[in-house]
Amino acid sequence: MSFINLEQLPFVGMSHEFVGETQGAPFSAYIVTAKPGQGAPLHRHPYVEVAFTIEGSATITVGDETREVKAGGIVVIPAGTPHRFVNSGDTILRQIDVHAGPRFVQTNL
């Protein structure tokens, strides 16, 4: 068991990174704090990802579908499916992206 604070996690780009294998967990997560216009490039993972929008709004593309997702929205992204998101609002986007793997594996497209 471990107790950590968000500020103890590495901050890369626009996210704190919770790496499961470092913390003894079977999953990983990006805790996103994105400014308006910030987002991730089109990419895919070999495992399922679930994106929880906590605050703000994002335009999220999964495969051939693009939707506006607001606070409270949850997106399940199947393994191997190209996807991306961008903060499409005018305030901070807070999102938690849970990856079904003990470390991040990402292929940018």
PDB file of N, CA and C in Angstrom:
ATOM      1  N   MET A   1       0.847  -1.168   0.000  1.00  0.00           N
ATOM      2  CA  MET A   1       0.000   0.000   0.000  1.00  0.00           C
ATOM      3  C   MET A   1       0.894   1.232   0.000  1.00  0.00           C
ATOM      4  N   SER A   2       0.429   2.250  -0.740  1.00  0.00           N
ATOM      5  CA  SER A   2       1.171   3.502  -0.718  1.00  0.00           C
ATOM      6  C   SER A   2       0.203   4.670  -0.711  1.00  0.00           C
ATOM      7  N   PHE A   3       0.630   5.756  -0.105  1.00  0.00           N
ATOM      8  CA  PHE A   3      -0.126   6.999  -0.094  1.00  0.00           C
ATOM      9  C   PHE A   3       0.750   8.028  -0.780  1.00  0.00           C
ATOM     10  N   ILE A   4       0.231   8.622  -1.837  1.00  0.00           N
ATOM     11  CA  ILE A   4       0.994   9.644  -2.551  1.00  0.00           C
ATOM     12  C   ILE A   4       0.092  10.839  -2.808  1.00  0.00           C
ATOM     13  N   ASN A   5       0.709  11.952  -3.111  1.00  0.00           N
ATOM     14  CA  ASN A   5      -0.005  13.167  -3.443  1.00  0.00           C
ATOM     15  C   ASN A   5       0.208  13.440  -4.928  1.00  0.00           C
ATOM     16  N   LEU A   6      -0.766  14.038  -5.570  1.00  0.00           N
ATOM     17  CA  LEU A   6      -0.685  14.339  -6.995  1.00  0.00           C
ATOM     18  C   LEU A   6       0.618  15.043  -7.350  1.00  0.00           C
ATOM     19  N   GLU A   7       1.047  15.971  -6.516  1.00  0.00           N
ATOM     20  CA  GLU A   7       2.264  16.734  -6.801  1.00  0.00           C
ATOM     21  C   GLU A   7       3.528  15.878  -6.755  1.00  0.00           C
ATOM     22  N   GLN A   8       3.437  14.670  -6.197  1.00  0.00           N
ATOM     23  CA  GLN A   8       4.589  13.762  -6.171  1.00  0.00           C
ATOM     24  C   GLN A   8       4.759  13.012  -7.485  1.00  0.00           C
ATOM     25  N   LEU A   9       3.738  13.034  -8.333  1.00  0.00           N
ATOM     26  CA  LEU A   9       3.810  12.343  -9.617  1.00  0.00           C
ATOM     27  C   LEU A   9       4.532  13.211 -10.643  1.00  0.00           C
ATOM     28  N   PRO A  10       5.235  12.586 -11.589  1.00  0.00           N
ATOM     29  CA  PRO A  10       5.882  13.375 -12.648  1.00  0.00           C
ATOM     30  C   PRO A  10       4.828  14.151 -13.443  1.00  0.00           C
ATOM     31  N   PHE A  11       5.163  15.393 -13.813  1.00  0.00           N
ATOM     32  CA  PHE A  11       4.288  16.204 -14.656  1.00  0.00           C
ATOM     33  C   PHE A  11       4.974  16.358 -15.996  1.00  0.00           C
ATOM     34  N   VAL A  12       4.331  15.827 -17.050  1.00  0.00           N
ATOM     35  CA  VAL A  12       4.904  15.862 -18.392  1.00  0.00           C
ATOM     36  C   VAL A  12       3.873  16.475 -19.333  1.00  0.00           C
ATOM     37  N   GLY A  13       4.254  17.542 -20.026  1.00  0.00           N
ATOM     38  CA  GLY A  13       3.349  18.181 -20.978  1.00  0.00           C
ATOM     39  C   GLY A  13       2.179  18.853 -20.290  1.00  0.00           C
ATOM     40  N   MET A  14       1.067  18.137 -20.179  1.00  0.00           N
ATOM     41  CA  MET A  14      -0.144  18.689 -19.561  1.00  0.00           C
ATOM     42  C   MET A  14      -0.740  17.728 -18.542  1.00  0.00           C
ATOM     43  N   SER A  15       0.054  16.709 -18.121  1.00  0.00           N
ATOM     44  CA  SER A  15      -0.505  15.674 -17.248  1.00  0.00           C
ATOM     45  C   SER A  15       0.451  15.217 -16.161  1.00  0.00           C
ATOM     46  N   HIS A  16      -0.120  14.937 -14.995  1.00  0.00           N
ATOM     47  CA  HIS A  16       0.605  14.163 -13.997  1.00  0.00           C
ATOM     48  C   HIS A  16       0.487  12.704 -14.440  1.00  0.00           C
ATOM     49  N   GLU A  17       1.554  11.948 -14.286  1.00  0.00           N
ATOM     50  CA  GLU A  17       1.570  10.566 -14.758  1.00  0.00           C
ATOM     51  C   GLU A  17       1.632   9.586 -13.593  1.00  0.00           C
ATOM     52  N   PHE A  18       0.566   8.802 -13.455  1.00  0.00           N
ATOM     53  CA  PHE A  18       0.523   7.729 -12.473  1.00  0.00           C
ATOM     54  C   PHE A  18       0.892   6.451 -13.220  1.00  0.00           C
ATOM     55  N   VAL A  19       2.093   5.946 -13.001  1.00  0.00           N
ATOM     56  CA  VAL A  19       2.572   4.738 -13.679  1.00  0.00           C
ATOM     57  C   VAL A  19       2.350   3.563 -12.737  1.00  0.00           C
ATOM     58  N   GLY A  20       1.450   2.683 -13.100  1.00  0.00           N
ATOM     59  CA  GLY A  20       1.045   1.588 -12.240  1.00  0.00           C
ATOM     60  C   GLY A  20       2.178   0.709 -11.750  1.00  0.00           C
ATOM     61  N   GLU A  21       3.098   0.338 -12.647  1.00  0.00           N
ATOM     62  CA  GLU A  21       4.164  -0.565 -12.221  1.00  0.00           C
ATOM     63  C   GLU A  21       5.057   0.074 -11.164  1.00  0.00           C
ATOM     64  N   THR A  22       5.150   1.385 -11.147  1.00  0.00           N
ATOM     65  CA  THR A  22       5.924   2.091 -10.125  1.00  0.00           C
ATOM     66  C   THR A  22       5.186   2.114  -8.789  1.00  0.00           C
ATOM     67  N   GLN A  23       3.858   2.130  -8.856  1.00  0.00           N
ATOM     68  CA  GLN A  23       3.034   2.260  -7.659  1.00  0.00           C
ATOM     69  C   GLN A  23       2.437   0.929  -7.189  1.00  0.00           C
ATOM     70  N   GLY A  24       2.774  -0.180  -7.854  1.00  0.00           N
ATOM     71  CA  GLY A  24       2.242  -1.478  -7.472  1.00  0.00           C
ATOM     72  C   GLY A  24       0.796  -1.687  -7.888  1.00  0.00           C
ATOM     73  N   ALA A  25       0.392  -1.062  -8.994  1.00  0.00           N
ATOM     74  CA  ALA A  25      -0.981  -1.173  -9.489  1.00  0.00           C
ATOM     75  C   ALA A  25      -0.980  -1.743 -10.913  1.00  0.00           C
ATOM     76  N   PRO A  26      -2.059  -2.438 -11.307  1.00  0.00           N
ATOM     77  CA  PRO A  26      -2.117  -3.038 -12.643  1.00  0.00           C
ATOM     78  C   PRO A  26      -2.618  -2.088 -13.735  1.00  0.00           C
ATOM     79  N   PHE A  27      -2.790  -0.808 -13.412  1.00  0.00           N
ATOM     80  CA  PHE A  27      -3.244   0.176 -14.395  1.00  0.00           C
ATOM     81  C   PHE A  27      -2.424   1.459 -14.230  1.00  0.00           C
ATOM     82  N   SER A  28      -2.513   2.330 -15.232  1.00  0.00           N
ATOM     83  CA  SER A  28      -1.829   3.629 -15.198  1.00  0.00           C
ATOM     84  C   SER A  28      -2.852   4.709 -15.505  1.00  0.00           C
ATOM     85  N   ALA A  29      -2.498   5.973 -15.250  1.00  0.00           N
ATOM     86  CA  ALA A  29      -3.432   7.064 -15.532  1.00  0.00           C
ATOM     87  C   ALA A  29      -2.697   8.362 -15.790  1.00  0.00           C
ATOM     88  N   TYR A  30      -3.239   9.115 -16.749  1.00  0.00           N
ATOM     89  CA  TYR A  30      -2.834  10.501 -16.934  1.00  0.00           C
ATOM     90  C   TYR A  30      -3.865  11.347 -16.201  1.00  0.00           C
ATOM     91  N   ILE A  31      -3.424  12.250 -15.346  1.00  0.00           N
ATOM     92  CA  ILE A  31      -4.314  13.206 -14.705  1.00  0.00           C
ATOM     93  C   ILE A  31      -4.065  14.514 -15.439  1.00  0.00           C
ATOM     94  N   VAL A  32      -4.965  14.824 -16.358  1.00  0.00           N
ATOM     95  CA  VAL A  32      -4.784  15.901 -17.331  1.00  0.00           C
ATOM     96  C   VAL A  32      -5.255  17.239 -16.780  1.00  0.00           C
ATOM     97  N   THR A  33      -4.442  18.276 -17.018  1.00  0.00           N
ATOM     98  CA  THR A  33      -4.816  19.666 -16.782  1.00  0.00           C
ATOM     99  C   THR A  33      -4.414  20.415 -18.050  1.00  0.00           C
ATOM    100  N   ALA A  34      -5.365  20.527 -18.991  1.00  0.00           N
ATOM    101  CA  ALA A  34      -5.060  21.099 -20.301  1.00  0.00           C
ATOM    102  C   ALA A  34      -5.645  22.498 -20.449  1.00  0.00           C
ATOM    103  N   LYS A  35      -4.841  23.403 -20.974  1.00  0.00           N
ATOM    104  CA  LYS A  35      -5.297  24.753 -21.275  1.00  0.00           C
ATOM    105  C   LYS A  35      -6.136  24.717 -22.558  1.00  0.00           C
ATOM    106  N   PRO A  36      -6.949  25.741 -22.805  1.00  0.00           N
ATOM    107  CA  PRO A  36      -7.709  25.789 -24.049  1.00  0.00           C
ATOM    108  C   PRO A  36      -6.787  25.582 -25.257  1.00  0.00           C
ATOM    109  N   GLY A  37      -7.219  24.712 -26.150  1.00  0.00           N
ATOM    110  CA  GLY A  37      -6.437  24.411 -27.352  1.00  0.00           C
ATOM    111  C   GLY A  37      -5.431  23.293 -27.177  1.00  0.00           C
ATOM    112  N   GLN A  38      -5.079  22.944 -25.947  1.00  0.00           N
ATOM    113  CA  GLN A  38      -4.128  21.856 -25.716  1.00  0.00           C
ATOM    114  C   GLN A  38      -4.820  20.506 -25.883  1.00  0.00           C
ATOM    115  N   GLY A  39      -4.050  19.521 -26.310  1.00  0.00           N
ATOM    116  CA  GLY A  39      -4.603  18.185 -26.448  1.00  0.00           C
ATOM    117  C   GLY A  39      -3.542  17.196 -26.865  1.00  0.00           C
ATOM    118  N   ALA A  40      -3.986  15.985 -27.074  1.00  0.00           N
ATOM    119  CA  ALA A  40      -3.091  14.895 -27.474  1.00  0.00           C
ATOM    120  C   ALA A  40      -3.194  14.674 -28.981  1.00  0.00           C
ATOM    121  N   PRO A  41      -2.091  14.282 -29.620  1.00  0.00           N
ATOM    122  CA  PRO A  41      -2.141  13.968 -31.044  1.00  0.00           C
ATOM    123  C   PRO A  41      -2.884  12.647 -31.264  1.00  0.00           C
ATOM    124  N   LEU A  42      -3.225  12.375 -32.499  1.00  0.00           N
ATOM    125  CA  LEU A  42      -3.854  11.098 -32.831  1.00  0.00           C
ATOM    126  C   LEU A  42      -2.882   9.977 -32.472  1.00  0.00           C
ATOM    127  N   HIS A  43      -3.371   8.991 -31.712  1.00  0.00           N
ATOM    128  CA  HIS A  43      -2.520   7.901 -31.248  1.00  0.00           C
ATOM    129  C   HIS A  43      -3.380   6.683 -30.922  1.00  0.00           C
ATOM    130  N   ARG A  44      -2.734   5.596 -30.520  1.00  0.00           N
ATOM    131  CA  ARG A  44      -3.459   4.393 -30.092  1.00  0.00           C
ATOM    132  C   ARG A  44      -2.639   3.673 -29.028  1.00  0.00           C
ATOM    133  N   HIS A  45      -3.314   2.778 -28.308  1.00  0.00           N
ATOM    134  CA  HIS A  45      -2.701   1.962 -27.269  1.00  0.00           C
ATOM    135  C   HIS A  45      -3.111   0.507 -27.485  1.00  0.00           C
ATOM    136  N   PRO A  46      -2.311  -0.458 -27.039  1.00  0.00           N
ATOM    137  CA  PRO A  46      -2.669  -1.867 -27.198  1.00  0.00           C
ATOM    138  C   PRO A  46      -3.611  -2.375 -26.106  1.00  0.00           C
ATOM    139  N   TYR A  47      -4.224  -1.473 -25.369  1.00  0.00           N
ATOM    140  CA  TYR A  47      -5.128  -1.817 -24.272  1.00  0.00           C
ATOM    141  C   TYR A  47      -6.260  -0.790 -24.243  1.00  0.00           C
ATOM    142  N   VAL A  48      -7.302  -1.085 -23.497  1.00  0.00           N
ATOM    143  CA  VAL A  48      -8.436  -0.173 -23.337  1.00  0.00           C
ATOM    144  C   VAL A  48      -8.009   1.052 -22.521  1.00  0.00           C
ATOM    145  N   GLU A  49      -8.569   2.197 -22.876  1.00  0.00           N
ATOM    146  CA  GLU A  49      -8.396   3.429 -22.109  1.00  0.00           C
ATOM    147  C   GLU A  49      -9.789   3.980 -21.803  1.00  0.00           C
ATOM    148  N   VAL A  50      -9.970   4.511 -20.604  1.00  0.00           N
ATOM    149  CA  VAL A  50     -11.232   5.152 -20.238  1.00  0.00           C
ATOM    150  C   VAL A  50     -10.916   6.578 -19.816  1.00  0.00           C
ATOM    151  N   ALA A  51     -11.557   7.538 -20.481  1.00  0.00           N
ATOM    152  CA  ALA A  51     -11.330   8.958 -20.211  1.00  0.00           C
ATOM    153  C   ALA A  51     -12.523   9.521 -19.441  1.00  0.00           C
ATOM    154  N   PHE A  52     -12.243  10.050 -18.252  1.00  0.00           N
ATOM    155  CA  PHE A  52     -13.258  10.668 -17.398  1.00  0.00           C
ATOM    156  C   PHE A  52     -13.059  12.173 -17.450  1.00  0.00           C
ATOM    157  N   THR A  53     -14.017  12.904 -17.988  1.00  0.00           N
ATOM    158  CA  THR A  53     -13.929  14.354 -18.021  1.00  0.00           C
ATOM    159  C   THR A  53     -14.487  14.889 -16.705  1.00  0.00           C
ATOM    160  N   ILE A  54     -13.641  15.561 -15.951  1.00  0.00           N
ATOM    161  CA  ILE A  54     -13.991  16.037 -14.617  1.00  0.00           C
ATOM    162  C   ILE A  54     -14.459  17.495 -14.658  1.00  0.00           C
ATOM    163  N   GLU A  55     -13.797  18.296 -15.486  1.00  0.00           N
ATOM    164  CA  GLU A  55     -14.090  19.732 -15.540  1.00  0.00           C
ATOM    165  C   GLU A  55     -13.777  20.240 -16.936  1.00  0.00           C
ATOM    166  N   GLY A  56     -14.585  21.154 -17.449  1.00  0.00           N
ATOM    167  CA  GLY A  56     -14.350  21.726 -18.769  1.00  0.00           C
ATOM    168  C   GLY A  56     -14.995  20.893 -19.860  1.00  0.00           C
ATOM    169  N   SER A  57     -14.488  21.072 -21.076  1.00  0.00           N
ATOM    170  CA  SER A  57     -15.016  20.318 -22.207  1.00  0.00           C
ATOM    171  C   SER A  57     -13.899  19.994 -23.184  1.00  0.00           C
ATOM    172  N   ALA A  58     -14.096  18.889 -23.879  1.00  0.00           N
ATOM    173  CA  ALA A  58     -13.097  18.424 -24.840  1.00  0.00           C
ATOM    174  C   ALA A  58     -13.793  17.910 -26.087  1.00  0.00           C
ATOM    175  N   THR A  59     -13.125  18.057 -27.199  1.00  0.00           N
ATOM    176  CA  THR A  59     -13.554  17.393 -28.413  1.00  0.00           C
ATOM    177  C   THR A  59     -12.710  16.125 -28.497  1.00  0.00           C
ATOM    178  N   ILE A  60     -13.382  14.984 -28.480  1.00  0.00           N
ATOM    179  CA  ILE A  60     -12.692  13.696 -28.468  1.00  0.00           C
ATOM    180  C   ILE A  60     -13.056  12.919 -29.726  1.00  0.00           C
ATOM    181  N   THR A  61     -12.031  12.452 -30.419  1.00  0.00           N
ATOM    182  CA  THR A  61     -12.213  11.608 -31.595  1.00  0.00           C
ATOM    183  C   THR A  61     -11.793  10.191 -31.232  1.00  0.00           C
ATOM    184  N   VAL A  62     -12.666   9.231 -31.505  1.00  0.00           N
ATOM    185  CA  VAL A  62     -12.382   7.810 -31.297  1.00  0.00           C
ATOM    186  C   VAL A  62     -12.745   7.111 -32.600  1.00  0.00           C
ATOM    187  N   GLY A  63     -11.734   6.594 -33.292  1.00  0.00           N
ATOM    188  CA  GLY A  63     -11.990   6.001 -34.601  1.00  0.00           C
ATOM    189  C   GLY A  63     -12.505   7.066 -35.547  1.00  0.00           C
ATOM    190  N   ASP A  64     -13.684   6.821 -36.144  1.00  0.00           N
ATOM    191  CA  ASP A  64     -14.279   7.758 -37.100  1.00  0.00           C
ATOM    192  C   ASP A  64     -15.288   8.706 -36.461  1.00  0.00           C
ATOM    193  N   GLU A  65     -15.453   8.647 -35.157  1.00  0.00           N
ATOM    194  CA  GLU A  65     -16.470   9.455 -34.480  1.00  0.00           C
ATOM    195  C   GLU A  65     -15.832  10.551 -33.628  1.00  0.00           C
ATOM    196  N   THR A  66     -16.365  11.767 -33.754  1.00  0.00           N
ATOM    197  CA  THR A  66     -15.900  12.906 -32.968  1.00  0.00           C
ATOM    198  C   THR A  66     -17.090  13.471 -32.206  1.00  0.00           C
ATOM    199  N   ARG A  67     -16.884  13.693 -30.904  1.00  0.00           N
ATOM    200  CA  ARG A  67     -17.950  14.244 -30.062  1.00  0.00           C
ATOM    201  C   ARG A  67     -17.394  15.275 -29.093  1.00  0.00           C
ATOM    202  N   GLU A  68     -18.273  16.176 -28.693  1.00  0.00           N
ATOM    203  CA  GLU A  68     -17.963  17.127 -27.630  1.00  0.00           C
ATOM    204  C   GLU A  68     -18.334  16.437 -26.318  1.00  0.00           C
ATOM    205  N   VAL A  69     -17.387  16.401 -25.381  1.00  0.00           N
ATOM    206  CA  VAL A  69     -17.616  15.756 -24.089  1.00  0.00           C
ATOM    207  C   VAL A  69     -17.430  16.807 -23.000  1.00  0.00           C
ATOM    208  N   LYS A  70     -18.413  16.908 -22.130  1.00  0.00           N
ATOM    209  CA  LYS A  70     -18.364  17.890 -21.040  1.00  0.00           C
ATOM    210  C   LYS A  70     -18.162  17.183 -19.710  1.00  0.00           C
ATOM    211  N   ALA A  71     -17.962  17.966 -18.654  1.00  0.00           N
ATOM    212  CA  ALA A  71     -17.771  17.420 -17.311  1.00  0.00           C
ATOM    213  C   ALA A  71     -18.842  16.372 -17.018  1.00  0.00           C
ATOM    214  N   GLY A  72     -18.396  15.239 -16.507  1.00  0.00           N
ATOM    215  CA  GLY A  72     -19.290  14.119 -16.225  1.00  0.00           C
ATOM    216  C   GLY A  72     -19.302  13.084 -17.332  1.00  0.00           C
ATOM    217  N   GLY A  73     -18.747  13.420 -18.493  1.00  0.00           N
ATOM    218  CA  GLY A  73     -18.705  12.489 -19.616  1.00  0.00           C
ATOM    219  C   GLY A  73     -17.616  11.446 -19.438  1.00  0.00           C
ATOM    220  N   ILE A  74     -17.920  10.232 -19.883  1.00  0.00           N
ATOM    221  CA  ILE A  74     -16.967   9.117 -19.810  1.00  0.00           C
ATOM    222  C   ILE A  74     -16.880   8.498 -21.198  1.00  0.00           C
ATOM    223  N   VAL A  75     -15.660   8.298 -21.678  1.00  0.00           N
ATOM    224  CA  VAL A  75     -15.444   7.715 -23.000  1.00  0.00           C
ATOM    225  C   VAL A  75     -14.613   6.447 -22.835  1.00  0.00           C
ATOM    226  N   VAL A  76     -15.116   5.327 -23.354  1.00  0.00           N
ATOM    227  CA  VAL A  76     -14.380   4.065 -23.349  1.00  0.00           C
ATOM    228  C   VAL A  76     -13.765   3.900 -24.732  1.00  0.00           C
ATOM    229  N   ILE A  77     -12.438   3.797 -24.765  1.00  0.00           N
ATOM    230  CA  ILE A  77     -11.694   3.724 -26.023  1.00  0.00           C
ATOM    231  C   ILE A  77     -11.147   2.309 -26.168  1.00  0.00           C
ATOM    232  N   PRO A  78     -11.653   1.551 -27.160  1.00  0.00           N
ATOM    233  CA  PRO A  78     -11.195   0.167 -27.330  1.00  0.00           C
ATOM    234  C   PRO A  78      -9.702   0.079 -27.671  1.00  0.00           C
ATOM    235  N   ALA A  79      -9.092  -1.012 -27.291  1.00  0.00           N
ATOM    236  CA  ALA A  79      -7.679  -1.261 -27.593  1.00  0.00           C
ATOM    237  C   ALA A  79      -7.433  -1.135 -29.091  1.00  0.00           C
ATOM    238  N   GLY A  80      -6.326  -0.486 -29.444  1.00  0.00           N
ATOM    239  CA  GLY A  80      -5.915  -0.378 -30.834  1.00  0.00           C
ATOM    240  C   GLY A  80      -6.649   0.669 -31.650  1.00  0.00           C
ATOM    241  N   THR A  81      -7.603   1.383 -31.063  1.00  0.00           N
ATOM    242  CA  THR A  81      -8.410   2.366 -31.800  1.00  0.00           C
ATOM    243  C   THR A  81      -7.731   3.736 -31.793  1.00  0.00           C
ATOM    244  N   PRO A  82      -7.512   4.320 -32.969  1.00  0.00           N
ATOM    245  CA  PRO A  82      -6.927   5.667 -33.014  1.00  0.00           C
ATOM    246  C   PRO A  82      -7.857   6.664 -32.318  1.00  0.00           C
ATOM    247  N   HIS A  83      -7.268   7.564 -31.532  1.00  0.00           N
ATOM    248  CA  HIS A  83      -8.055   8.561 -30.817  1.00  0.00           C
ATOM    249  C   HIS A  83      -7.203   9.774 -30.487  1.00  0.00           C
ATOM    250  N   ARG A  84      -7.892  10.854 -30.137  1.00  0.00           N
ATOM    251  CA  ARG A  84      -7.235  12.092 -29.732  1.00  0.00           C
ATOM    252  C   ARG A  84      -8.240  12.945 -28.990  1.00  0.00           C
ATOM    253  N   PHE A  85      -7.749  13.963 -28.289  1.00  0.00           N
ATOM    254  CA  PHE A  85      -8.638  14.933 -27.660  1.00  0.00           C
ATOM    255  C   PHE A  85      -7.974  16.301 -27.686  1.00  0.00           C
ATOM    256  N   VAL A  86      -8.818  17.319 -27.614  1.00  0.00           N
ATOM    257  CA  VAL A  86      -8.331  18.692 -27.497  1.00  0.00           C
ATOM    258  C   VAL A  86      -9.298  19.438 -26.584  1.00  0.00           C
ATOM    259  N   ASN A  87      -8.752  20.309 -25.745  1.00  0.00           N
ATOM    260  CA  ASN A  87      -9.584  21.157 -24.905  1.00  0.00           C
ATOM    261  C   ASN A  87     -10.261  22.156 -25.830  1.00  0.00           C
ATOM    262  N   SER A  88     -11.551  21.979 -26.031  1.00  0.00           N
ATOM    263  CA  SER A  88     -12.297  22.840 -26.952  1.00  0.00           C
ATOM    264  C   SER A  88     -13.067  23.936 -26.224  1.00  0.00           C
ATOM    265  N   GLY A  89     -12.855  24.048 -24.925  1.00  0.00           N
ATOM    266  CA  GLY A  89     -13.522  25.093 -24.152  1.00  0.00           C
ATOM    267  C   GLY A  89     -12.628  26.299 -23.954  1.00  0.00           C
ATOM    268  N   ASP A  90     -13.098  27.226 -23.142  1.00  0.00           N
ATOM    269  CA  ASP A  90     -12.299  28.425 -22.857  1.00  0.00           C
ATOM    270  C   ASP A  90     -11.823  28.446 -21.409  1.00  0.00           C
ATOM    271  N   THR A  91     -11.909  27.283 -20.741  1.00  0.00           N
ATOM    272  CA  THR A  91     -11.392  27.130 -19.381  1.00  0.00           C
ATOM    273  C   THR A  91     -10.506  25.880 -19.343  1.00  0.00           C
ATOM    274  N   ILE A  92      -9.904  25.624 -18.206  1.00  0.00           N
ATOM    275  CA  ILE A  92      -9.051  24.445 -18.027  1.00  0.00           C
ATOM    276  C   ILE A  92      -9.882  23.169 -18.194  1.00  0.00           C
ATOM    277  N   LEU A  93      -9.299  22.189 -18.844  1.00  0.00           N
ATOM    278  CA  LEU A  93      -9.885  20.850 -18.960  1.00  0.00           C
ATOM    279  C   LEU A  93      -9.187  19.952 -17.948  1.00  0.00           C
ATOM    280  N   ARG A  94      -9.967  19.325 -17.089  1.00  0.00           N
ATOM    281  CA  ARG A  94      -9.428  18.339 -16.161  1.00  0.00           C
ATOM    282  C   ARG A  94     -10.042  17.005 -16.534  1.00  0.00           C
ATOM    283  N   GLN A  95      -9.163  16.057 -16.727  1.00  0.00           N
ATOM    284  CA  GLN A  95      -9.570  14.747 -17.226  1.00  0.00           C
ATOM    285  C   GLN A  95      -8.683  13.695 -16.582  1.00  0.00           C
ATOM    286  N   ILE A  96      -9.233  12.538 -16.310  1.00  0.00           N
ATOM    287  CA  ILE A  96      -8.438  11.417 -15.826  1.00  0.00           C
ATOM    288  C   ILE A  96      -8.572  10.313 -16.866  1.00  0.00           C
ATOM    289  N   ASP A  97      -7.447   9.937 -17.460  1.00  0.00           N
ATOM    290  CA  ASP A  97      -7.414   8.914 -18.507  1.00  0.00           C
ATOM    291  C   ASP A  97      -6.772   7.663 -17.932  1.00  0.00           C
ATOM    292  N   VAL A  98      -7.594   6.647 -17.694  1.00  0.00           N
ATOM    293  CA  VAL A  98      -7.127   5.400 -17.088  1.00  0.00           C
ATOM    294  C   VAL A  98      -6.743   4.422 -18.193  1.00  0.00           C
ATOM    295  N   HIS A  99      -5.535   3.907 -18.102  1.00  0.00           N
ATOM    296  CA  HIS A  99      -4.994   2.970 -19.086  1.00  0.00           C
ATOM    297  C   HIS A  99      -4.940   1.572 -18.462  1.00  0.00           C
ATOM    298  N   ALA A 100      -5.457   0.596 -19.173  1.00  0.00           N
ATOM    299  CA  ALA A 100      -5.527  -0.772 -18.653  1.00  0.00           C
ATOM    300  C   ALA A 100      -4.185  -1.489 -18.821  1.00  0.00           C
ATOM    301  N   GLY A 101      -3.144  -0.890 -18.299  1.00  0.00           N
ATOM    302  CA  GLY A 101      -1.813  -1.468 -18.340  1.00  0.00           C
ATOM    303  C   GLY A 101      -0.952  -0.860 -17.248  1.00  0.00           C
ATOM    304  N   PRO A 102       0.032  -1.588 -16.768  1.00  0.00           N
ATOM    305  CA  PRO A 102       0.874  -1.093 -15.679  1.00  0.00           C
ATOM    306  C   PRO A 102       1.862  -0.004 -16.103  1.00  0.00           C
ATOM    307  N   ARG A 103       1.982   0.250 -17.409  1.00  0.00           N
ATOM    308  CA  ARG A 103       2.822   1.334 -17.920  1.00  0.00           C
ATOM    309  C   ARG A 103       2.196   1.832 -19.219  1.00  0.00           C
ATOM    310  N   PHE A 104       2.548   3.038 -19.601  1.00  0.00           N
ATOM    311  CA  PHE A 104       1.991   3.635 -20.821  1.00  0.00           C
ATOM    312  C   PHE A 104       2.673   3.052 -22.054  1.00  0.00           C
ATOM    313  N   VAL A 105       1.850   2.643 -23.011  1.00  0.00           N
ATOM    314  CA  VAL A 105       2.342   2.201 -24.315  1.00  0.00           C
ATOM    315  C   VAL A 105       1.523   2.980 -25.345  1.00  0.00           C
ATOM    316  N   GLN A 106       2.178   3.902 -26.061  1.00  0.00           N
ATOM    317  CA  GLN A 106       1.459   4.768 -26.988  1.00  0.00           C
ATOM    318  C   GLN A 106       2.193   4.829 -28.309  1.00  0.00           C
ATOM    319  N   THR A 107       1.429   4.693 -29.389  1.00  0.00           N
ATOM    320  CA  THR A 107       1.946   4.859 -30.739  1.00  0.00           C
ATOM    321  C   THR A 107       1.283   6.068 -31.352  1.00  0.00           C
ATOM    322  N   ASN A 108       2.055   7.133 -31.594  1.00  0.00           N
ATOM    323  CA  ASN A 108       1.496   8.318 -32.251  1.00  0.00           C
ATOM    324  C   ASN A 108       1.332   8.038 -33.729  1.00  0.00           C
ATOM    325  N   LEU A 109       0.248   8.545 -34.291  1.00  0.00           N
ATOM    326  CA  LEU A 109      -0.071   8.278 -35.711  1.00  0.00           C
ATOM    327  C   LEU A 109       0.084   9.535 -36.543  1.00  0.00           C
TER     328      LEU A 109
END
